[in-house]
Amino acid sequence: MSTFDVAAPDHELPDVAERAWREVSDVGVATARSEWAGAAREMLLAAATKYQALVQHKDIATGVQELTGIRTKQPARQWIGGVLAEVSAESLRRGEPMLSALCVNPDESVFDGYAAIVGAATGTTPPDPDVHASHERLANYRHFEAAGLPAGGGSAMIPPKLGAARSRARKAAIDERPIKKCPSCNLQTPANGICDNCD
C-alpha cells in the first residue's frame, strides 16, 4: 500500500537572491490574493497528479510568494485561508473537485478554515472536515488521472500521521472512561451494569 507524500510539489522556484520583490502594499490585497491563488492552484494541481500526494500549507505560503514575487510580512495564518478559498472557488467554477483539500497542516489534518470554505461553497459544513477532505482528495486524484492511482480507482483515506493520532486519542478516551464496579463485591460490571458475580 502506498503512503501519503507530504511535500511541496516539484517546482522550479526563482532564485530568491535575484528576485525583484513586490510588496502587498504596492500591488494591493486583491491583486496579491488573486496572483497567490493562481500560484497555489498550480502547486496543488502538481500534487493532484500524484496519488496520495499532499502539500503543507506552509509550503504553499512560501511557494506562492516566491512564484509570484509578491511577499508579505503578515503571518500565513492571516491570509492563506483567503487564497485557498479562491482556489476552491475556481475549482468549483471548472467543475473540478476542491483542490484545497490537498493542503494540510504538519500533522496532516486539513488546514484551518477548510470546513468554512466547504460550507460557503456547498451550503453544508462537513461534520468531520478530515473525512470530507479524504473524499475530495480521492476525487482529485481520479479527476486528474494521478500517477500511481490503483487500477480500482483508489480509496479515500485519512493520512497515516493523522490516522495514528486519531487512534491514540480514541484509545486515551477509552482508557479514561470510569470503570463501573459492583458495590457489593467491587468487581467490574459488564455494560448492562448487572454484576455477574452477585446476580
N, C-alpha and C. Protein backbone atom coordinates (compact mmCIF):
# COMPACT_ATOMS: atom_id res chain seq x y z
N MET A 1 0.85 -1.19 0.00
CA MET A 1 0.00 0.00 0.00
C MET A 1 0.89 1.24 0.00
N SER A 2 0.59 2.19 -0.83
CA SER A 2 1.38 3.41 -0.90
C SER A 2 1.03 4.33 0.26
N THR A 3 1.93 5.25 0.55
CA THR A 3 1.70 6.17 1.65
C THR A 3 1.61 7.58 1.11
N PHE A 4 1.04 8.45 1.93
CA PHE A 4 0.91 9.84 1.52
C PHE A 4 2.27 10.50 1.46
N ASP A 5 2.45 11.32 0.46
CA ASP A 5 3.68 12.07 0.27
C ASP A 5 3.38 13.52 0.61
N VAL A 6 3.88 13.96 1.76
CA VAL A 6 3.62 15.34 2.18
C VAL A 6 4.85 16.16 1.88
N ALA A 7 4.79 16.87 0.79
CA ALA A 7 5.93 17.68 0.37
C ALA A 7 5.45 18.71 -0.63
N ALA A 8 6.25 19.73 -0.80
CA ALA A 8 5.93 20.73 -1.82
C ALA A 8 6.10 20.07 -3.18
N PRO A 9 5.19 20.32 -4.09
CA PRO A 9 5.33 19.76 -5.44
C PRO A 9 6.61 20.27 -6.10
N ASP A 10 7.06 19.52 -7.10
CA ASP A 10 8.28 19.89 -7.81
C ASP A 10 8.05 21.15 -8.63
N HIS A 11 8.64 22.23 -8.23
CA HIS A 11 8.54 23.49 -8.97
C HIS A 11 9.92 24.11 -9.05
N GLU A 12 10.21 24.69 -10.16
CA GLU A 12 11.44 25.46 -10.28
C GLU A 12 11.15 26.86 -9.76
N LEU A 13 11.53 27.10 -8.53
CA LEU A 13 11.28 28.41 -7.95
C LEU A 13 12.39 29.38 -8.36
N PRO A 14 12.03 30.65 -8.54
CA PRO A 14 13.05 31.64 -8.93
C PRO A 14 14.13 31.77 -7.87
N ASP A 15 15.29 32.17 -8.28
CA ASP A 15 16.38 32.43 -7.34
C ASP A 15 15.99 33.65 -6.51
N VAL A 16 15.79 33.39 -5.21
CA VAL A 16 15.29 34.46 -4.33
C VAL A 16 16.26 35.63 -4.27
N ALA A 17 17.56 35.33 -4.36
CA ALA A 17 18.56 36.40 -4.28
C ALA A 17 18.42 37.39 -5.45
N GLU A 18 17.96 36.89 -6.60
CA GLU A 18 17.84 37.74 -7.77
C GLU A 18 16.44 38.30 -7.94
N ARG A 19 15.56 37.99 -7.02
CA ARG A 19 14.15 38.38 -7.14
C ARG A 19 13.97 39.87 -6.95
N ALA A 20 13.18 40.48 -7.81
CA ALA A 20 12.74 41.86 -7.62
C ALA A 20 11.37 41.77 -6.94
N TRP A 21 11.37 41.82 -5.64
CA TRP A 21 10.15 41.60 -4.88
C TRP A 21 9.18 42.78 -5.00
N ARG A 22 7.92 42.44 -4.98
CA ARG A 22 6.85 43.44 -4.86
C ARG A 22 6.17 43.19 -3.51
N GLU A 23 5.78 44.25 -2.87
CA GLU A 23 5.10 44.13 -1.58
C GLU A 23 3.59 44.18 -1.81
N VAL A 24 2.86 43.55 -0.90
CA VAL A 24 1.39 43.58 -0.98
C VAL A 24 0.89 45.02 -0.96
N SER A 25 1.54 45.86 -0.19
CA SER A 25 1.13 47.27 -0.11
C SER A 25 1.29 47.98 -1.46
N ASP A 26 2.17 47.46 -2.32
CA ASP A 26 2.38 48.08 -3.63
C ASP A 26 1.34 47.62 -4.65
N VAL A 27 0.96 46.34 -4.60
CA VAL A 27 0.07 45.79 -5.63
C VAL A 27 -1.39 45.74 -5.18
N GLY A 28 -1.62 45.81 -3.86
CA GLY A 28 -2.98 45.73 -3.34
C GLY A 28 -3.32 44.32 -2.90
N VAL A 29 -4.16 44.23 -1.88
CA VAL A 29 -4.52 42.93 -1.30
C VAL A 29 -5.23 42.04 -2.31
N ALA A 30 -6.18 42.60 -3.06
CA ALA A 30 -6.96 41.80 -4.01
C ALA A 30 -6.07 41.22 -5.10
N THR A 31 -5.15 42.03 -5.62
CA THR A 31 -4.24 41.55 -6.67
C THR A 31 -3.31 40.47 -6.11
N ALA A 32 -2.78 40.71 -4.92
CA ALA A 32 -1.89 39.72 -4.30
C ALA A 32 -2.62 38.40 -4.10
N ARG A 33 -3.84 38.47 -3.56
CA ARG A 33 -4.60 37.24 -3.31
C ARG A 33 -4.89 36.50 -4.61
N SER A 34 -5.24 37.24 -5.64
CA SER A 34 -5.55 36.62 -6.93
C SER A 34 -4.32 35.93 -7.53
N GLU A 35 -3.18 36.60 -7.50
CA GLU A 35 -1.96 36.01 -8.05
C GLU A 35 -1.49 34.83 -7.20
N TRP A 36 -1.59 34.98 -5.87
CA TRP A 36 -1.22 33.87 -5.00
C TRP A 36 -2.13 32.66 -5.24
N ALA A 37 -3.42 32.92 -5.46
CA ALA A 37 -4.36 31.82 -5.70
C ALA A 37 -3.99 31.08 -6.98
N GLY A 38 -3.58 31.82 -8.01
CA GLY A 38 -3.16 31.17 -9.25
C GLY A 38 -1.94 30.29 -9.05
N ALA A 39 -1.00 30.78 -8.26
CA ALA A 39 0.22 30.01 -7.97
C ALA A 39 -0.11 28.81 -7.09
N ALA A 40 -0.98 29.02 -6.10
CA ALA A 40 -1.38 27.91 -5.22
C ALA A 40 -2.09 26.82 -6.01
N ARG A 41 -2.93 27.23 -6.97
CA ARG A 41 -3.62 26.25 -7.81
C ARG A 41 -2.60 25.38 -8.57
N GLU A 42 -1.56 26.01 -9.11
CA GLU A 42 -0.55 25.25 -9.85
C GLU A 42 0.17 24.26 -8.93
N MET A 43 0.47 24.68 -7.70
CA MET A 43 1.13 23.79 -6.75
C MET A 43 0.22 22.62 -6.39
N LEU A 44 -1.05 22.89 -6.18
CA LEU A 44 -2.00 21.84 -5.81
C LEU A 44 -2.31 20.93 -6.99
N LEU A 45 -2.32 21.49 -8.21
CA LEU A 45 -2.50 20.65 -9.40
C LEU A 45 -1.36 19.65 -9.53
N ALA A 46 -0.14 20.09 -9.23
CA ALA A 46 1.00 19.19 -9.29
C ALA A 46 0.82 18.03 -8.31
N ALA A 47 0.30 18.34 -7.12
CA ALA A 47 0.05 17.28 -6.13
C ALA A 47 -1.07 16.36 -6.58
N ALA A 48 -2.08 16.91 -7.24
CA ALA A 48 -3.23 16.11 -7.67
C ALA A 48 -2.85 15.09 -8.73
N THR A 49 -1.71 15.27 -9.36
CA THR A 49 -1.29 14.33 -10.41
C THR A 49 -0.42 13.20 -9.85
N LYS A 50 -0.27 13.14 -8.52
CA LYS A 50 0.49 12.06 -7.87
C LYS A 50 -0.39 11.46 -6.78
N TYR A 51 -0.77 10.21 -6.94
CA TYR A 51 -1.68 9.57 -5.99
C TYR A 51 -1.16 9.68 -4.56
N GLN A 52 -2.00 10.20 -3.69
CA GLN A 52 -1.77 10.40 -2.26
C GLN A 52 -0.76 11.49 -1.93
N ALA A 53 -0.44 12.34 -2.89
CA ALA A 53 0.44 13.48 -2.60
C ALA A 53 -0.37 14.57 -1.89
N LEU A 54 0.28 15.26 -0.99
CA LEU A 54 -0.31 16.37 -0.24
C LEU A 54 0.70 17.52 -0.24
N VAL A 55 0.22 18.71 0.11
CA VAL A 55 1.11 19.87 0.22
C VAL A 55 0.83 20.56 1.56
N GLN A 56 1.87 20.83 2.33
CA GLN A 56 1.68 21.53 3.59
C GLN A 56 1.39 23.01 3.33
N HIS A 57 0.53 23.57 4.17
CA HIS A 57 0.14 24.98 3.94
C HIS A 57 1.33 25.92 4.05
N LYS A 58 2.31 25.57 4.87
CA LYS A 58 3.49 26.44 4.99
C LYS A 58 4.29 26.46 3.68
N ASP A 59 4.28 25.31 2.97
CA ASP A 59 4.97 25.27 1.68
C ASP A 59 4.21 26.08 0.63
N ILE A 60 2.88 26.04 0.71
CA ILE A 60 2.10 26.87 -0.21
C ILE A 60 2.34 28.34 0.08
N ALA A 61 2.34 28.70 1.37
CA ALA A 61 2.54 30.10 1.74
C ALA A 61 3.88 30.62 1.23
N THR A 62 4.92 29.81 1.36
CA THR A 62 6.24 30.20 0.87
C THR A 62 6.27 30.18 -0.65
N GLY A 63 5.73 29.11 -1.24
CA GLY A 63 5.79 28.93 -2.69
C GLY A 63 5.07 30.00 -3.46
N VAL A 64 3.89 30.41 -3.00
CA VAL A 64 3.13 31.40 -3.77
C VAL A 64 3.83 32.75 -3.78
N GLN A 65 4.52 33.07 -2.70
CA GLN A 65 5.26 34.34 -2.67
C GLN A 65 6.46 34.28 -3.61
N GLU A 66 7.14 33.14 -3.62
CA GLU A 66 8.32 33.02 -4.48
C GLU A 66 7.92 32.94 -5.95
N LEU A 67 6.83 32.25 -6.25
CA LEU A 67 6.41 32.11 -7.64
C LEU A 67 5.88 33.41 -8.23
N THR A 68 5.24 34.24 -7.40
CA THR A 68 4.66 35.48 -7.90
C THR A 68 5.56 36.69 -7.70
N GLY A 69 6.49 36.57 -6.77
CA GLY A 69 7.33 37.72 -6.45
C GLY A 69 6.62 38.74 -5.57
N ILE A 70 5.45 38.36 -5.05
CA ILE A 70 4.71 39.25 -4.14
C ILE A 70 4.85 38.69 -2.74
N ARG A 71 5.36 39.49 -1.84
CA ARG A 71 5.58 38.99 -0.49
C ARG A 71 4.86 39.83 0.55
N THR A 72 4.75 39.24 1.72
CA THR A 72 4.10 39.92 2.83
C THR A 72 4.80 39.54 4.12
N LYS A 73 4.75 40.44 5.08
CA LYS A 73 5.32 40.15 6.40
C LYS A 73 4.26 39.59 7.34
N GLN A 74 3.02 39.56 6.89
CA GLN A 74 1.95 39.01 7.73
C GLN A 74 2.12 37.51 7.88
N PRO A 75 1.80 36.96 9.04
CA PRO A 75 1.84 35.50 9.20
C PRO A 75 0.87 34.84 8.22
N ALA A 76 1.25 33.69 7.71
CA ALA A 76 0.44 32.99 6.70
C ALA A 76 -0.98 32.72 7.19
N ARG A 77 -1.13 32.46 8.49
CA ARG A 77 -2.47 32.11 9.00
C ARG A 77 -3.46 33.26 8.80
N GLN A 78 -2.95 34.48 8.59
CA GLN A 78 -3.83 35.63 8.42
C GLN A 78 -4.33 35.79 6.99
N TRP A 79 -3.68 35.11 6.02
CA TRP A 79 -4.09 35.32 4.62
C TRP A 79 -4.22 34.05 3.78
N ILE A 80 -3.64 32.94 4.23
CA ILE A 80 -3.66 31.73 3.41
C ILE A 80 -5.08 31.20 3.20
N GLY A 81 -5.96 31.38 4.20
CA GLY A 81 -7.34 30.91 4.05
C GLY A 81 -8.06 31.58 2.89
N GLY A 82 -7.84 32.89 2.73
CA GLY A 82 -8.47 33.62 1.63
C GLY A 82 -7.95 33.16 0.28
N VAL A 83 -6.67 32.83 0.22
CA VAL A 83 -6.07 32.33 -1.02
C VAL A 83 -6.66 30.97 -1.37
N LEU A 84 -6.75 30.08 -0.39
CA LEU A 84 -7.29 28.74 -0.64
C LEU A 84 -8.79 28.78 -0.93
N ALA A 85 -9.48 29.76 -0.39
CA ALA A 85 -10.90 29.93 -0.72
C ALA A 85 -11.05 30.27 -2.20
N GLU A 86 -10.15 31.12 -2.72
CA GLU A 86 -10.20 31.45 -4.15
C GLU A 86 -9.87 30.24 -5.01
N VAL A 87 -8.91 29.42 -4.54
CA VAL A 87 -8.57 28.20 -5.28
C VAL A 87 -9.79 27.28 -5.33
N SER A 88 -10.49 27.16 -4.21
CA SER A 88 -11.68 26.31 -4.15
C SER A 88 -12.78 26.83 -5.06
N ALA A 89 -12.97 28.13 -5.06
CA ALA A 89 -14.00 28.73 -5.92
C ALA A 89 -13.68 28.47 -7.39
N GLU A 90 -12.42 28.55 -7.75
CA GLU A 90 -12.01 28.28 -9.13
C GLU A 90 -12.23 26.82 -9.49
N SER A 91 -11.93 25.92 -8.55
CA SER A 91 -12.19 24.50 -8.79
C SER A 91 -13.66 24.26 -9.07
N LEU A 92 -14.53 24.89 -8.28
CA LEU A 92 -15.97 24.70 -8.47
C LEU A 92 -16.42 25.30 -9.80
N ARG A 93 -15.87 26.46 -10.18
CA ARG A 93 -16.22 27.06 -11.46
C ARG A 93 -15.87 26.14 -12.63
N ARG A 94 -14.79 25.39 -12.47
CA ARG A 94 -14.34 24.50 -13.53
C ARG A 94 -14.99 23.11 -13.45
N GLY A 95 -15.82 22.90 -12.45
CA GLY A 95 -16.44 21.59 -12.28
C GLY A 95 -15.47 20.53 -11.78
N GLU A 96 -14.45 20.96 -11.04
CA GLU A 96 -13.44 20.06 -10.51
C GLU A 96 -13.69 19.80 -9.03
N PRO A 97 -13.10 18.74 -8.48
CA PRO A 97 -13.09 18.57 -7.01
C PRO A 97 -12.29 19.73 -6.40
N MET A 98 -12.44 19.95 -5.11
CA MET A 98 -11.76 21.06 -4.44
C MET A 98 -10.28 20.75 -4.25
N LEU A 99 -9.45 21.44 -5.00
CA LEU A 99 -8.01 21.24 -4.89
C LEU A 99 -7.49 21.58 -3.50
N SER A 100 -8.16 22.49 -2.80
CA SER A 100 -7.67 22.90 -1.48
C SER A 100 -7.67 21.76 -0.48
N ALA A 101 -8.38 20.66 -0.77
CA ALA A 101 -8.38 19.50 0.13
C ALA A 101 -7.00 18.86 0.21
N LEU A 102 -6.14 19.17 -0.75
CA LEU A 102 -4.78 18.60 -0.77
C LEU A 102 -3.81 19.37 0.12
N CYS A 103 -4.28 20.46 0.70
CA CYS A 103 -3.45 21.29 1.58
C CYS A 103 -3.66 20.85 3.03
N VAL A 104 -2.56 20.57 3.72
CA VAL A 104 -2.66 20.06 5.09
C VAL A 104 -1.73 20.81 6.05
N ASN A 105 -2.03 20.63 7.34
CA ASN A 105 -1.16 21.11 8.40
C ASN A 105 -0.01 20.11 8.58
N PRO A 106 1.00 20.44 9.38
CA PRO A 106 2.10 19.49 9.61
C PRO A 106 1.64 18.14 10.17
N ASP A 107 0.53 18.11 10.91
CA ASP A 107 0.03 16.84 11.44
C ASP A 107 -0.87 16.10 10.44
N GLU A 108 -0.94 16.62 9.23
CA GLU A 108 -1.71 16.05 8.12
C GLU A 108 -3.22 16.23 8.24
N SER A 109 -3.65 17.06 9.19
CA SER A 109 -5.06 17.44 9.25
C SER A 109 -5.29 18.55 8.22
N VAL A 110 -6.56 18.78 7.87
CA VAL A 110 -6.84 19.85 6.91
C VAL A 110 -6.49 21.20 7.53
N PHE A 111 -6.18 22.14 6.67
CA PHE A 111 -5.80 23.47 7.14
C PHE A 111 -6.98 24.14 7.83
N ASP A 112 -6.68 25.05 8.73
CA ASP A 112 -7.72 25.80 9.44
C ASP A 112 -8.55 26.57 8.41
N GLY A 113 -9.84 26.47 8.51
CA GLY A 113 -10.71 27.18 7.59
C GLY A 113 -11.26 26.30 6.49
N TYR A 114 -10.78 25.07 6.38
CA TYR A 114 -11.27 24.18 5.32
C TYR A 114 -12.78 23.97 5.43
N ALA A 115 -13.25 23.67 6.63
CA ALA A 115 -14.68 23.41 6.81
C ALA A 115 -15.52 24.62 6.42
N ALA A 116 -15.04 25.81 6.78
CA ALA A 116 -15.77 27.04 6.45
C ALA A 116 -15.82 27.25 4.94
N ILE A 117 -14.72 26.95 4.25
CA ILE A 117 -14.68 27.09 2.80
C ILE A 117 -15.67 26.12 2.14
N VAL A 118 -15.69 24.88 2.63
CA VAL A 118 -16.64 23.89 2.09
C VAL A 118 -18.07 24.36 2.34
N GLY A 119 -18.32 24.85 3.56
CA GLY A 119 -19.66 25.34 3.89
C GLY A 119 -20.09 26.49 3.00
N ALA A 120 -19.18 27.42 2.75
CA ALA A 120 -19.52 28.56 1.91
C ALA A 120 -19.75 28.13 0.46
N ALA A 121 -19.00 27.13 0.02
CA ALA A 121 -19.09 26.70 -1.38
C ALA A 121 -20.29 25.80 -1.64
N THR A 122 -20.64 24.97 -0.66
CA THR A 122 -21.68 23.96 -0.88
C THR A 122 -22.96 24.18 -0.08
N GLY A 123 -22.87 25.05 0.94
CA GLY A 123 -24.04 25.26 1.80
C GLY A 123 -24.11 24.29 2.95
N THR A 124 -23.18 23.34 3.02
CA THR A 124 -23.16 22.35 4.10
C THR A 124 -21.76 22.25 4.68
N THR A 125 -21.65 22.48 5.98
CA THR A 125 -20.35 22.36 6.65
C THR A 125 -20.15 20.91 7.07
N PRO A 126 -19.05 20.29 6.65
CA PRO A 126 -18.85 18.87 6.99
C PRO A 126 -18.65 18.66 8.49
N PRO A 127 -19.29 17.64 9.07
CA PRO A 127 -19.10 17.38 10.50
C PRO A 127 -17.67 16.96 10.83
N ASP A 128 -17.03 16.27 9.89
CA ASP A 128 -15.63 15.87 10.07
C ASP A 128 -14.87 16.34 8.83
N PRO A 129 -14.23 17.51 8.92
CA PRO A 129 -13.53 18.06 7.75
C PRO A 129 -12.47 17.13 7.17
N ASP A 130 -11.78 16.37 8.02
CA ASP A 130 -10.73 15.50 7.52
C ASP A 130 -11.29 14.34 6.70
N VAL A 131 -12.43 13.81 7.10
CA VAL A 131 -13.07 12.75 6.32
C VAL A 131 -13.56 13.32 4.99
N HIS A 132 -14.17 14.51 5.04
CA HIS A 132 -14.62 15.17 3.80
C HIS A 132 -13.44 15.37 2.85
N ALA A 133 -12.33 15.88 3.40
CA ALA A 133 -11.15 16.14 2.58
C ALA A 133 -10.60 14.86 1.97
N SER A 134 -10.68 13.74 2.69
CA SER A 134 -10.15 12.48 2.15
C SER A 134 -10.91 12.07 0.89
N HIS A 135 -12.22 12.34 0.85
CA HIS A 135 -13.02 12.01 -0.33
C HIS A 135 -12.74 13.01 -1.47
N GLU A 136 -12.55 14.28 -1.12
CA GLU A 136 -12.21 15.27 -2.14
C GLU A 136 -10.84 14.98 -2.76
N ARG A 137 -9.90 14.54 -1.92
CA ARG A 137 -8.57 14.21 -2.45
C ARG A 137 -8.66 13.07 -3.46
N LEU A 138 -9.39 12.03 -3.08
CA LEU A 138 -9.54 10.90 -3.99
C LEU A 138 -10.19 11.36 -5.30
N ALA A 139 -11.19 12.21 -5.19
CA ALA A 139 -11.85 12.73 -6.39
C ALA A 139 -10.85 13.50 -7.26
N ASN A 140 -9.94 14.24 -6.62
CA ASN A 140 -8.90 14.97 -7.36
C ASN A 140 -7.95 14.00 -8.07
N TYR A 141 -7.48 12.98 -7.34
CA TYR A 141 -6.55 12.03 -7.95
C TYR A 141 -7.19 11.35 -9.16
N ARG A 142 -8.46 11.03 -9.03
CA ARG A 142 -9.17 10.39 -10.15
C ARG A 142 -9.38 11.37 -11.29
N HIS A 143 -9.82 12.59 -10.95
CA HIS A 143 -10.13 13.59 -11.97
C HIS A 143 -8.90 13.94 -12.80
N PHE A 144 -7.76 14.08 -12.12
CA PHE A 144 -6.54 14.49 -12.81
C PHE A 144 -5.65 13.29 -13.18
N GLU A 145 -6.22 12.09 -13.09
CA GLU A 145 -5.54 10.86 -13.50
C GLU A 145 -4.14 10.78 -12.92
N ALA A 146 -4.08 10.79 -11.60
CA ALA A 146 -2.81 10.81 -10.88
C ALA A 146 -1.95 9.59 -11.19
N ALA A 147 -0.66 9.84 -11.28
CA ALA A 147 0.30 8.74 -11.43
C ALA A 147 0.25 7.89 -10.17
N GLY A 148 0.24 6.57 -10.33
CA GLY A 148 0.20 5.68 -9.19
C GLY A 148 -1.20 5.35 -8.71
N LEU A 149 -2.21 5.89 -9.37
CA LEU A 149 -3.60 5.60 -8.98
C LEU A 149 -3.86 4.11 -9.23
N PRO A 150 -4.32 3.38 -8.20
CA PRO A 150 -4.57 1.94 -8.38
C PRO A 150 -5.62 1.69 -9.46
N ALA A 151 -5.54 0.50 -10.05
CA ALA A 151 -6.46 0.13 -11.13
C ALA A 151 -7.91 0.23 -10.69
N GLY A 152 -8.18 -0.05 -9.44
CA GLY A 152 -9.56 0.01 -8.93
C GLY A 152 -10.02 1.42 -8.61
N GLY A 153 -9.17 2.41 -8.81
CA GLY A 153 -9.56 3.80 -8.57
C GLY A 153 -9.14 4.35 -7.23
N GLY A 154 -8.47 3.53 -6.41
CA GLY A 154 -8.01 4.01 -5.11
C GLY A 154 -9.13 4.10 -4.10
N SER A 155 -8.81 4.59 -2.93
CA SER A 155 -9.81 4.73 -1.88
C SER A 155 -9.51 5.97 -1.05
N ALA A 156 -10.57 6.49 -0.44
CA ALA A 156 -10.42 7.67 0.41
C ALA A 156 -9.81 7.24 1.74
N MET A 157 -8.71 7.88 2.11
CA MET A 157 -8.03 7.51 3.34
C MET A 157 -7.59 8.74 4.12
N ILE A 158 -7.63 8.61 5.44
CA ILE A 158 -7.04 9.62 6.31
C ILE A 158 -5.52 9.42 6.23
N PRO A 159 -4.73 10.48 6.07
CA PRO A 159 -3.27 10.33 6.02
C PRO A 159 -2.74 9.61 7.27
N PRO A 160 -1.66 8.85 7.13
CA PRO A 160 -1.19 8.00 8.24
C PRO A 160 -0.86 8.72 9.54
N LYS A 161 -0.20 9.88 9.46
CA LYS A 161 0.16 10.58 10.70
C LYS A 161 -1.10 11.01 11.46
N LEU A 162 -2.08 11.54 10.73
CA LEU A 162 -3.33 11.95 11.36
C LEU A 162 -4.10 10.73 11.84
N GLY A 163 -4.10 9.66 11.06
CA GLY A 163 -4.80 8.43 11.46
C GLY A 163 -4.24 7.88 12.76
N ALA A 164 -2.90 7.88 12.90
CA ALA A 164 -2.27 7.38 14.11
C ALA A 164 -2.64 8.26 15.31
N ALA A 165 -2.67 9.58 15.10
CA ALA A 165 -3.02 10.50 16.19
C ALA A 165 -4.47 10.28 16.62
N ARG A 166 -5.36 10.06 15.66
CA ARG A 166 -6.77 9.81 16.00
C ARG A 166 -6.91 8.50 16.77
N SER A 167 -6.16 7.50 16.36
CA SER A 167 -6.21 6.20 17.04
C SER A 167 -5.75 6.33 18.49
N ARG A 168 -4.66 7.09 18.69
CA ARG A 168 -4.18 7.32 20.06
C ARG A 168 -5.20 8.07 20.89
N ALA A 169 -5.86 9.05 20.29
CA ALA A 169 -6.87 9.84 21.02
C ALA A 169 -8.05 8.97 21.41
N ARG A 170 -8.47 8.08 20.49
CA ARG A 170 -9.58 7.17 20.82
C ARG A 170 -9.21 6.23 21.96
N LYS A 171 -7.99 5.70 21.91
CA LYS A 171 -7.53 4.79 22.96
C LYS A 171 -7.45 5.51 24.30
N ALA A 172 -6.94 6.75 24.28
CA ALA A 172 -6.84 7.52 25.52
C ALA A 172 -8.23 7.79 26.09
N ALA A 173 -9.20 8.08 25.22
CA ALA A 173 -10.57 8.34 25.68
C ALA A 173 -11.17 7.10 26.32
N ILE A 174 -10.88 5.93 25.73
CA ILE A 174 -11.39 4.68 26.29
C ILE A 174 -10.74 4.41 27.63
N ASP A 175 -9.42 4.63 27.69
CA ASP A 175 -8.68 4.38 28.94
C ASP A 175 -9.13 5.30 30.06
N GLU A 176 -9.63 6.49 29.70
CA GLU A 176 -10.03 7.46 30.73
C GLU A 176 -11.46 7.27 31.21
N ARG A 177 -12.22 6.40 30.53
CA ARG A 177 -13.60 6.18 30.96
C ARG A 177 -13.61 5.51 32.33
N PRO A 178 -14.49 5.97 33.22
CA PRO A 178 -14.53 5.36 34.56
C PRO A 178 -15.00 3.89 34.47
N ILE A 179 -14.38 3.07 35.29
CA ILE A 179 -14.76 1.65 35.35
C ILE A 179 -15.87 1.48 36.37
N LYS A 180 -16.98 0.90 35.93
CA LYS A 180 -18.11 0.67 36.84
C LYS A 180 -17.87 -0.61 37.62
N LYS A 181 -18.01 -0.50 38.93
CA LYS A 181 -17.78 -1.66 39.79
C LYS A 181 -19.02 -1.97 40.62
N CYS A 182 -19.15 -3.24 40.92
CA CYS A 182 -20.27 -3.69 41.76
C CYS A 182 -20.07 -3.17 43.17
N PRO A 183 -21.10 -2.55 43.77
CA PRO A 183 -20.95 -2.03 45.13
C PRO A 183 -20.81 -3.13 46.18
N SER A 184 -21.19 -4.35 45.82
CA SER A 184 -21.12 -5.45 46.79
C SER A 184 -19.76 -6.15 46.79
N CYS A 185 -19.31 -6.56 45.58
CA CYS A 185 -18.06 -7.34 45.51
C CYS A 185 -16.89 -6.56 44.95
N ASN A 186 -17.14 -5.36 44.46
CA ASN A 186 -16.12 -4.46 43.92
C ASN A 186 -15.48 -4.96 42.61
N LEU A 187 -16.12 -5.93 41.94
CA LEU A 187 -15.64 -6.37 40.64
C LEU A 187 -16.24 -5.50 39.56
N GLN A 188 -15.52 -5.39 38.42
CA GLN A 188 -16.03 -4.60 37.30
C GLN A 188 -17.31 -5.25 36.76
N THR A 189 -18.31 -4.40 36.50
CA THR A 189 -19.57 -4.91 35.97
C THR A 189 -19.58 -4.80 34.45
N PRO A 190 -20.32 -5.65 33.76
CA PRO A 190 -20.44 -5.54 32.32
C PRO A 190 -21.22 -4.29 31.93
N ALA A 191 -21.36 -4.08 30.63
CA ALA A 191 -22.02 -2.87 30.11
C ALA A 191 -23.45 -2.71 30.62
N ASN A 192 -24.13 -3.83 30.89
CA ASN A 192 -25.53 -3.74 31.35
C ASN A 192 -25.63 -3.30 32.81
N GLY A 193 -24.49 -3.22 33.53
CA GLY A 193 -24.48 -2.76 34.90
C GLY A 193 -24.85 -3.81 35.93
N ILE A 194 -25.14 -5.02 35.49
CA ILE A 194 -25.54 -6.11 36.42
C ILE A 194 -24.33 -6.99 36.67
N CYS A 195 -23.98 -7.14 37.91
CA CYS A 195 -22.81 -7.91 38.30
C CYS A 195 -23.06 -9.40 38.09
N ASP A 196 -22.22 -10.03 37.30
CA ASP A 196 -22.35 -11.48 37.03
C ASP A 196 -22.03 -12.28 38.29
N ASN A 197 -21.20 -11.73 39.17
CA ASN A 197 -20.78 -12.45 40.37
C ASN A 197 -21.87 -12.44 41.45
N CYS A 198 -22.59 -11.34 41.53
CA CYS A 198 -23.59 -11.20 42.61
C CYS A 198 -25.02 -11.48 42.15
N ASP A 199 -25.24 -11.60 40.85
CA ASP A 199 -26.60 -11.78 40.34
C ASP A 199 -27.15 -13.14 40.73
